PDB file of all heavy atoms in Angstrom:
ATOM      1  N   TRP A   1     -14.347  39.441  42.227  1.00  0.00           N
ATOM      2  CA  TRP A   1     -13.264  38.872  41.367  1.00  0.00           C
ATOM      3  C   TRP A   1     -13.537  39.187  39.921  1.00  0.00           C
ATOM      4  O   TRP A   1     -12.628  39.478  39.148  1.00  0.00           O
ATOM      5  CB  TRP A   1     -13.307  37.358  41.549  1.00  0.00           C
ATOM      6  CG  TRP A   1     -12.467  36.582  40.637  1.00  0.00           C
ATOM      7  CD1 TRP A   1     -12.899  35.694  39.655  1.00  0.00           C
ATOM      8  CD2 TRP A   1     -11.014  36.612  40.540  1.00  0.00           C
ATOM      9  NE1 TRP A   1     -11.920  35.245  38.989  1.00  0.00           N
ATOM     10  CE2 TRP A   1     -10.778  35.728  39.489  1.00  0.00           C
ATOM     11  CE3 TRP A   1     -10.041  37.202  41.219  1.00  0.00           C
ATOM     12  CZ2 TRP A   1      -9.361  35.393  39.137  1.00  0.00           C
ATOM     13  CZ3 TRP A   1      -8.725  36.970  40.892  1.00  0.00           C
ATOM     14  CH2 TRP A   1      -8.326  36.086  39.828  1.00  0.00           C
ATOM     15  N   GLU A   2     -14.797  39.175  39.457  1.00  0.00           N
ATOM     16  CA  GLU A   2     -15.152  39.481  38.126  1.00  0.00           C
ATOM     17  C   GLU A   2     -14.849  40.899  37.800  1.00  0.00           C
ATOM     18  O   GLU A   2     -14.319  41.257  36.711  1.00  0.00           O
ATOM     19  CB  GLU A   2     -16.630  39.229  37.853  1.00  0.00           C
ATOM     20  CG  GLU A   2     -17.039  37.720  37.911  1.00  0.00           C
ATOM     21  CD  GLU A   2     -16.343  36.956  36.769  1.00  0.00           C
ATOM     22  OE1 GLU A   2     -16.096  37.486  35.652  1.00  0.00           O
ATOM     23  OE2 GLU A   2     -15.998  35.737  36.953  1.00  0.00           O
ATOM     24  N   GLN A   3     -15.092  41.863  38.799  1.00  0.00           N
ATOM     25  CA  GLN A   3     -14.679  43.200  38.627  1.00  0.00           C
ATOM     26  C   GLN A   3     -13.286  43.434  38.417  1.00  0.00           C
ATOM     27  O   GLN A   3     -12.805  44.172  37.599  1.00  0.00           O
ATOM     28  CB  GLN A   3     -15.292  44.073  39.733  1.00  0.00           C
ATOM     29  CG  GLN A   3     -15.010  45.601  39.613  1.00  0.00           C
ATOM     30  CD  GLN A   3     -15.672  46.154  38.385  1.00  0.00           C
ATOM     31  OE1 GLN A   3     -16.923  45.947  38.077  1.00  0.00           O
ATOM     32  NE2 GLN A   3     -14.973  46.987  37.641  1.00  0.00           N
ATOM     33  N   LEU A   4     -12.454  42.719  39.217  1.00  0.00           N
ATOM     34  CA  LEU A   4     -10.935  42.905  39.121  1.00  0.00           C
ATOM     35  C   LEU A   4     -10.512  42.336  37.780  1.00  0.00           C
ATOM     36  O   LEU A   4      -9.620  42.957  37.220  1.00  0.00           O
ATOM     37  CB  LEU A   4     -10.343  42.078  40.224  1.00  0.00           C
ATOM     38  CG  LEU A   4     -10.432  42.704  41.644  1.00  0.00           C
ATOM     39  CD1 LEU A   4      -9.922  41.681  42.693  1.00  0.00           C
ATOM     40  CD2 LEU A   4      -9.672  44.004  41.771  1.00  0.00           C
ATOM     41  N   LYS A   5     -11.064  41.214  37.308  1.00  0.00           N
ATOM     42  CA  LYS A   5     -10.654  40.772  35.965  1.00  0.00           C
ATOM     43  C   LYS A   5     -10.992  41.751  34.878  1.00  0.00           C
ATOM     44  O   LYS A   5     -10.243  41.999  33.942  1.00  0.00           O
ATOM     45  CB  LYS A   5     -11.399  39.333  35.709  1.00  0.00           C
ATOM     46  CG  LYS A   5     -10.786  38.250  36.594  1.00  0.00           C
ATOM     47  CD  LYS A   5     -11.244  36.914  36.079  1.00  0.00           C
ATOM     48  CE  LYS A   5     -12.564  36.734  35.585  1.00  0.00           C
ATOM     49  NZ  LYS A   5     -13.022  35.385  35.306  1.00  0.00           N
ATOM     50  N   ALA A   6     -12.234  42.294  34.974  1.00  0.00           N
ATOM     51  CA  ALA A   6     -12.656  43.330  33.992  1.00  0.00           C
ATOM     52  C   ALA A   6     -11.712  44.494  33.995  1.00  0.00           C
ATOM     53  O   ALA A   6     -11.357  45.102  32.876  1.00  0.00           O
ATOM     54  CB  ALA A   6     -14.113  43.783  34.263  1.00  0.00           C
ATOM     55  N   ASN A   7     -11.275  45.002  35.116  1.00  0.00           N
ATOM     56  CA  ASN A   7     -10.424  46.086  35.288  1.00  0.00           C
ATOM     57  C   ASN A   7      -9.094  45.799  34.644  1.00  0.00           C
ATOM     58  O   ASN A   7      -8.535  46.724  33.859  1.00  0.00           O
ATOM     59  CB  ASN A   7     -10.158  46.528  36.768  1.00  0.00           C
ATOM     60  CG  ASN A   7     -11.350  47.138  37.377  1.00  0.00           C
ATOM     61  OD1 ASN A   7     -12.296  47.505  36.746  1.00  0.00           O
ATOM     62  ND2 ASN A   7     -11.337  47.198  38.672  1.00  0.00           N
ATOM     63  N   VAL A   8      -8.540  44.656  34.750  1.00  0.00           N
ATOM     64  CA  VAL A   8      -7.339  44.262  34.091  1.00  0.00           C
ATOM     65  C   VAL A   8      -7.419  44.182  32.686  1.00  0.00           C
ATOM     66  O   VAL A   8      -6.587  44.629  31.907  1.00  0.00           O
ATOM     67  CB  VAL A   8      -6.723  42.882  34.774  1.00  0.00           C
ATOM     68  CG1 VAL A   8      -5.607  42.356  33.908  1.00  0.00           C
ATOM     69  CG2 VAL A   8      -6.392  43.068  36.212  1.00  0.00           C
ATOM     70  N   ALA A   9      -8.518  43.621  32.234  1.00  0.00           N
ATOM     71  CA  ALA A   9      -8.769  43.506  30.787  1.00  0.00           C
ATOM     72  C   ALA A   9      -8.867  44.872  30.119  1.00  0.00           C
ATOM     73  O   ALA A   9      -8.443  45.140  29.029  1.00  0.00           O
ATOM     74  CB  ALA A   9     -10.035  42.691  30.551  1.00  0.00           C
ATOM     75  N   GLU A  10      -9.492  45.792  30.804  1.00  0.00           N
ATOM     76  CA  GLU A  10      -9.623  47.106  30.223  1.00  0.00           C
ATOM     77  C   GLU A  10      -8.308  47.891  30.176  1.00  0.00           C
ATOM     78  O   GLU A  10      -8.061  48.553  29.224  1.00  0.00           O
ATOM     79  CB  GLU A  10     -10.603  47.953  31.170  1.00  0.00           C
ATOM     80  CG  GLU A  10     -12.024  47.710  30.951  1.00  0.00           C
ATOM     81  CD  GLU A  10     -12.926  48.457  31.942  1.00  0.00           C
ATOM     82  OE1 GLU A  10     -12.425  49.412  32.557  1.00  0.00           O
ATOM     83  OE2 GLU A  10     -14.048  48.059  32.194  1.00  0.00           O
ATOM     84  N   SER A  11      -7.497  47.644  31.108  1.00  0.00           N
ATOM     85  CA  SER A  11      -6.181  48.383  31.126  1.00  0.00           C
ATOM     86  C   SER A  11      -5.239  47.739  30.208  1.00  0.00           C
ATOM     87  O   SER A  11      -4.124  48.359  29.852  1.00  0.00           O
ATOM     88  CB  SER A  11      -5.570  48.369  32.592  1.00  0.00           C
ATOM     89  OG  SER A  11      -5.201  47.039  32.913  1.00  0.00           O
ATOM     90  N   GLY A  12      -5.448  46.540  29.746  1.00  0.00           N
ATOM     91  CA  GLY A  12      -4.618  45.928  28.731  1.00  0.00           C
ATOM     92  C   GLY A  12      -3.371  45.216  29.351  1.00  0.00           C
ATOM     93  O   GLY A  12      -2.523  44.845  28.623  1.00  0.00           O
ATOM     94  N   SER A  13      -3.281  45.285  30.680  1.00  0.00           N
ATOM     95  CA  SER A  13      -2.044  44.878  31.372  1.00  0.00           C
ATOM     96  C   SER A  13      -2.387  43.409  31.903  1.00  0.00           C
ATOM     97  O   SER A  13      -3.019  43.315  33.025  1.00  0.00           O
ATOM     98  CB  SER A  13      -1.700  45.825  32.487  1.00  0.00           C
ATOM     99  OG  SER A  13      -0.707  45.204  33.239  1.00  0.00           O
ATOM    100  N   THR A  14      -2.009  42.417  31.125  1.00  0.00           N
ATOM    101  CA  THR A  14      -2.125  41.131  31.711  1.00  0.00           C
ATOM    102  C   THR A  14      -0.830  40.364  31.960  1.00  0.00           C
ATOM    103  O   THR A  14      -0.825  39.231  32.349  1.00  0.00           O
ATOM    104  CB  THR A  14      -2.956  40.302  30.707  1.00  0.00           C
ATOM    105  OG1 THR A  14      -2.295  40.189  29.488  1.00  0.00           O
ATOM    106  CG2 THR A  14      -4.418  40.833  30.506  1.00  0.00           C
ATOM    107  N   GLY A  15       0.277  41.054  31.686  1.00  0.00           N
ATOM    108  CA  GLY A  15       1.584  40.461  31.905  1.00  0.00           C
ATOM    109  C   GLY A  15       2.004  40.534  33.317  1.00  0.00           C
ATOM    110  O   GLY A  15       1.373  41.064  34.229  1.00  0.00           O
ATOM    111  N   MET A  16       3.104  39.879  33.620  1.00  0.00           N
ATOM    112  CA  MET A  16       3.669  39.771  34.957  1.00  0.00           C
ATOM    113  C   MET A  16       4.894  40.580  34.998  1.00  0.00           C
ATOM    114  O   MET A  16       5.692  40.685  34.058  1.00  0.00           O
ATOM    115  CB  MET A  16       3.932  38.337  35.342  1.00  0.00           C
ATOM    116  CG  MET A  16       4.588  38.197  36.674  1.00  0.00           C
ATOM    117  SD  MET A  16       5.140  36.491  37.054  1.00  0.00           S
ATOM    118  CE  MET A  16       3.700  35.610  36.832  1.00  0.00           C
ATOM    119  N   GLN A  17       5.138  41.327  36.052  1.00  0.00           N
ATOM    120  CA  GLN A  17       6.343  42.053  36.338  1.00  0.00           C
ATOM    121  C   GLN A  17       7.020  41.596  37.540  1.00  0.00           C
ATOM    122  O   GLN A  17       6.346  41.558  38.621  1.00  0.00           O
ATOM    123  CB  GLN A  17       6.016  43.576  36.331  1.00  0.00           C
ATOM    124  CG  GLN A  17       7.272  44.348  36.614  1.00  0.00           C
ATOM    125  CD  GLN A  17       6.889  45.946  36.696  1.00  0.00           C
ATOM    126  OE1 GLN A  17       5.921  46.368  36.322  1.00  0.00           O
ATOM    127  NE2 GLN A  17       7.801  46.622  37.289  1.00  0.00           N
ATOM    128  N   LEU A  18       8.203  41.283  37.437  1.00  0.00           N
ATOM    129  CA  LEU A  18       9.012  40.817  38.657  1.00  0.00           C
ATOM    130  C   LEU A  18       9.838  42.025  39.093  1.00  0.00           C
ATOM    131  O   LEU A  18      10.273  42.896  38.434  1.00  0.00           O
ATOM    132  CB  LEU A  18      10.048  39.730  38.226  1.00  0.00           C
ATOM    133  CG  LEU A  18       9.295  38.512  37.733  1.00  0.00           C
ATOM    134  CD1 LEU A  18      10.362  37.462  37.359  1.00  0.00           C
ATOM    135  CD2 LEU A  18       8.436  37.888  38.801  1.00  0.00           C
ATOM    136  N   ASN A  19       9.983  42.049  40.417  1.00  0.00           N
ATOM    137  CA  ASN A  19      10.841  43.093  41.052  1.00  0.00           C
ATOM    138  C   ASN A  19      12.296  42.872  40.526  1.00  0.00           C
ATOM    139  O   ASN A  19      12.697  41.689  40.314  1.00  0.00           O
ATOM    140  CB  ASN A  19      10.833  43.108  42.558  1.00  0.00           C
ATOM    141  CG  ASN A  19       9.550  43.558  43.023  1.00  0.00           C
ATOM    142  OD1 ASN A  19       8.804  44.264  42.374  1.00  0.00           O
ATOM    143  ND2 ASN A  19       9.108  43.105  44.266  1.00  0.00           N
ATOM    144  N   LYS A  20      13.003  43.903  40.392  1.00  0.00           N
ATOM    145  CA  LYS A  20      14.386  43.778  39.891  1.00  0.00           C
ATOM    146  C   LYS A  20      15.249  44.848  40.530  1.00  0.00           C
ATOM    147  O   LYS A  20      14.749  45.793  41.094  1.00  0.00           O
ATOM    148  CB  LYS A  20      14.457  43.896  38.415  1.00  0.00           C
ATOM    149  CG  LYS A  20      13.928  45.157  37.799  1.00  0.00           C
ATOM    150  CD  LYS A  20      13.965  45.192  36.248  1.00  0.00           C
ATOM    151  CE  LYS A  20      13.396  46.423  35.754  1.00  0.00           C
ATOM    152  NZ  LYS A  20      13.310  46.452  34.321  1.00  0.00           N
ATOM    153  N   LEU A  21      16.532  44.690  40.335  1.00  0.00           N
ATOM    154  CA  LEU A  21      17.448  45.737  40.971  1.00  0.00           C
ATOM    155  C   LEU A  21      17.395  46.913  40.154  1.00  0.00           C
ATOM    156  O   LEU A  21      17.217  46.974  38.920  1.00  0.00           O
ATOM    157  CB  LEU A  21      18.857  45.134  40.841  1.00  0.00           C
ATOM    158  CG  LEU A  21      20.018  45.900  41.439  1.00  0.00           C
ATOM    159  CD1 LEU A  21      19.886  45.997  42.971  1.00  0.00           C
ATOM    160  CD2 LEU A  21      21.393  45.251  41.191  1.00  0.00           C
ATOM    161  N   ALA A  22      17.406  48.076  40.861  1.00  0.00           N
ATOM    162  CA  ALA A  22      17.306  49.443  40.218  1.00  0.00           C
ATOM    163  C   ALA A  22      18.542  49.619  39.273  1.00  0.00           C
ATOM    164  O   ALA A  22      19.602  49.001  39.467  1.00  0.00           O
ATOM    165  CB  ALA A  22      17.386  50.448  41.214  1.00  0.00           C
ATOM    166  N   ALA A  23      18.315  50.369  38.151  1.00  0.00           N
ATOM    167  CA  ALA A  23      19.306  50.570  37.203  1.00  0.00           C
ATOM    168  C   ALA A  23      20.642  51.176  37.670  1.00  0.00           C
ATOM    169  O   ALA A  23      21.705  50.880  37.194  1.00  0.00           O
ATOM    170  CB  ALA A  23      18.770  51.452  36.071  1.00  0.00           C
ATOM    171  N   ASP A  24      20.551  51.991  38.808  1.00  0.00           N
ATOM    172  CA  ASP A  24      21.717  52.527  39.367  1.00  0.00           C
ATOM    173  C   ASP A  24      22.426  51.599  40.229  1.00  0.00           C
ATOM    174  O   ASP A  24      23.435  51.975  40.933  1.00  0.00           O
ATOM    175  CB  ASP A  24      21.359  53.799  40.118  1.00  0.00           C
ATOM    176  CG  ASP A  24      20.398  53.583  41.293  1.00  0.00           C
ATOM    177  OD1 ASP A  24      19.985  52.397  41.459  1.00  0.00           O
ATOM    178  OD2 ASP A  24      20.129  54.533  42.035  1.00  0.00           O
ATOM    179  N   GLY A  25      22.040  50.344  40.360  1.00  0.00           N
ATOM    180  CA  GLY A  25      22.717  49.335  41.222  1.00  0.00           C
ATOM    181  C   GLY A  25      22.192  49.458  42.651  1.00  0.00           C
ATOM    182  O   GLY A  25      22.776  48.894  43.521  1.00  0.00           O
ATOM    183  N   GLY A  26      21.307  50.296  42.949  1.00  0.00           N
ATOM    184  CA  GLY A  26      20.721  50.396  44.333  1.00  0.00           C
ATOM    185  C   GLY A  26      20.064  49.181  44.787  1.00  0.00           C
ATOM    186  O   GLY A  26      19.790  48.229  44.041  1.00  0.00           O
ATOM    187  N   GLY A  27      19.482  49.330  45.932  1.00  0.00           N
ATOM    188  CA  GLY A  27      18.605  48.183  46.396  1.00  0.00           C
ATOM    189  C   GLY A  27      19.098  47.646  47.735  1.00  0.00           C
ATOM    190  O   GLY A  27      18.770  46.537  48.168  1.00  0.00           O
ATOM    191  N   GLY A  28      20.044  48.382  48.428  1.00  0.00           N
ATOM    192  CA  GLY A  28      20.429  47.941  49.711  1.00  0.00           C
ATOM    193  C   GLY A  28      21.716  47.104  49.626  1.00  0.00           C
ATOM    194  O   GLY A  28      22.488  47.190  48.645  1.00  0.00           O
ATOM    195  N   GLY A  29      22.037  46.497  50.746  1.00  0.00           N
ATOM    196  CA  GLY A  29      23.335  45.780  50.831  1.00  0.00           C
ATOM    197  C   GLY A  29      24.350  46.572  51.336  1.00  0.00           C
ATOM    198  O   GLY A  29      24.208  47.767  51.767  1.00  0.00           O
ATOM    199  N   SER A  30      25.622  46.058  51.271  1.00  0.00           N
ATOM    200  CA  SER A  30      26.788  46.668  51.880  1.00  0.00           C
ATOM    201  C   SER A  30      27.535  47.625  50.987  1.00  0.00           C
ATOM    202  O   SER A  30      28.468  48.232  51.315  1.00  0.00           O
ATOM    203  CB  SER A  30      27.704  45.676  52.484  1.00  0.00           C
ATOM    204  OG  SER A  30      28.155  44.801  51.464  1.00  0.00           O
ATOM    205  N   GLY A  31      27.069  47.645  49.667  1.00  0.00           N
ATOM    206  CA  GLY A  31      27.769  48.405  48.692  1.00  0.00           C
ATOM    207  C   GLY A  31      28.983  47.635  48.031  1.00  0.00           C
ATOM    208  O   GLY A  31      29.592  48.170  47.168  1.00  0.00           O
ATOM    209  N   VAL A  32      29.169  46.408  48.431  1.00  0.00           N
ATOM    210  CA  VAL A  32      30.184  45.557  47.874  1.00  0.00           C
ATOM    211  C   VAL A  32      29.642  45.068  46.539  1.00  0.00           C
ATOM    212  O   VAL A  32      28.590  44.677  46.413  1.00  0.00           O
ATOM    213  CB  VAL A  32      30.601  44.417  48.809  1.00  0.00           C
ATOM    214  CG1 VAL A  32      31.676  43.648  48.086  1.00  0.00           C
ATOM    215  CG2 VAL A  32      31.116  45.005  50.103  1.00  0.00           C
ATOM    216  N   ALA A  33      30.495  45.225  45.517  1.00  0.00           N
ATOM    217  CA  ALA A  33      30.007  44.844  44.183  1.00  0.00           C
ATOM    218  C   ALA A  33      29.698  43.430  44.004  1.00  0.00           C
ATOM    219  O   ALA A  33      30.450  42.621  43.405  1.00  0.00           O
ATOM    220  CB  ALA A  33      31.024  45.322  43.169  1.00  0.00           C
ATOM    221  N   GLY A  34      28.497  42.957  44.520  1.00  0.00           N
ATOM    222  CA  GLY A  34      28.094  41.528  44.268  1.00  0.00           C
ATOM    223  C   GLY A  34      28.782  40.537  45.102  1.00  0.00           C
ATOM    224  O   GLY A  34      28.462  39.277  45.061  1.00  0.00           O
TER     225      GLY A  34
END
């Protein structure tokens, strides 16, 4: 656990990223616009 925390601190990435719809509108579904 301590090693994982150190790796994150070194990379400078402590933020959270959520999955989101691709910019091209992809991501599955039937192709119907919403």
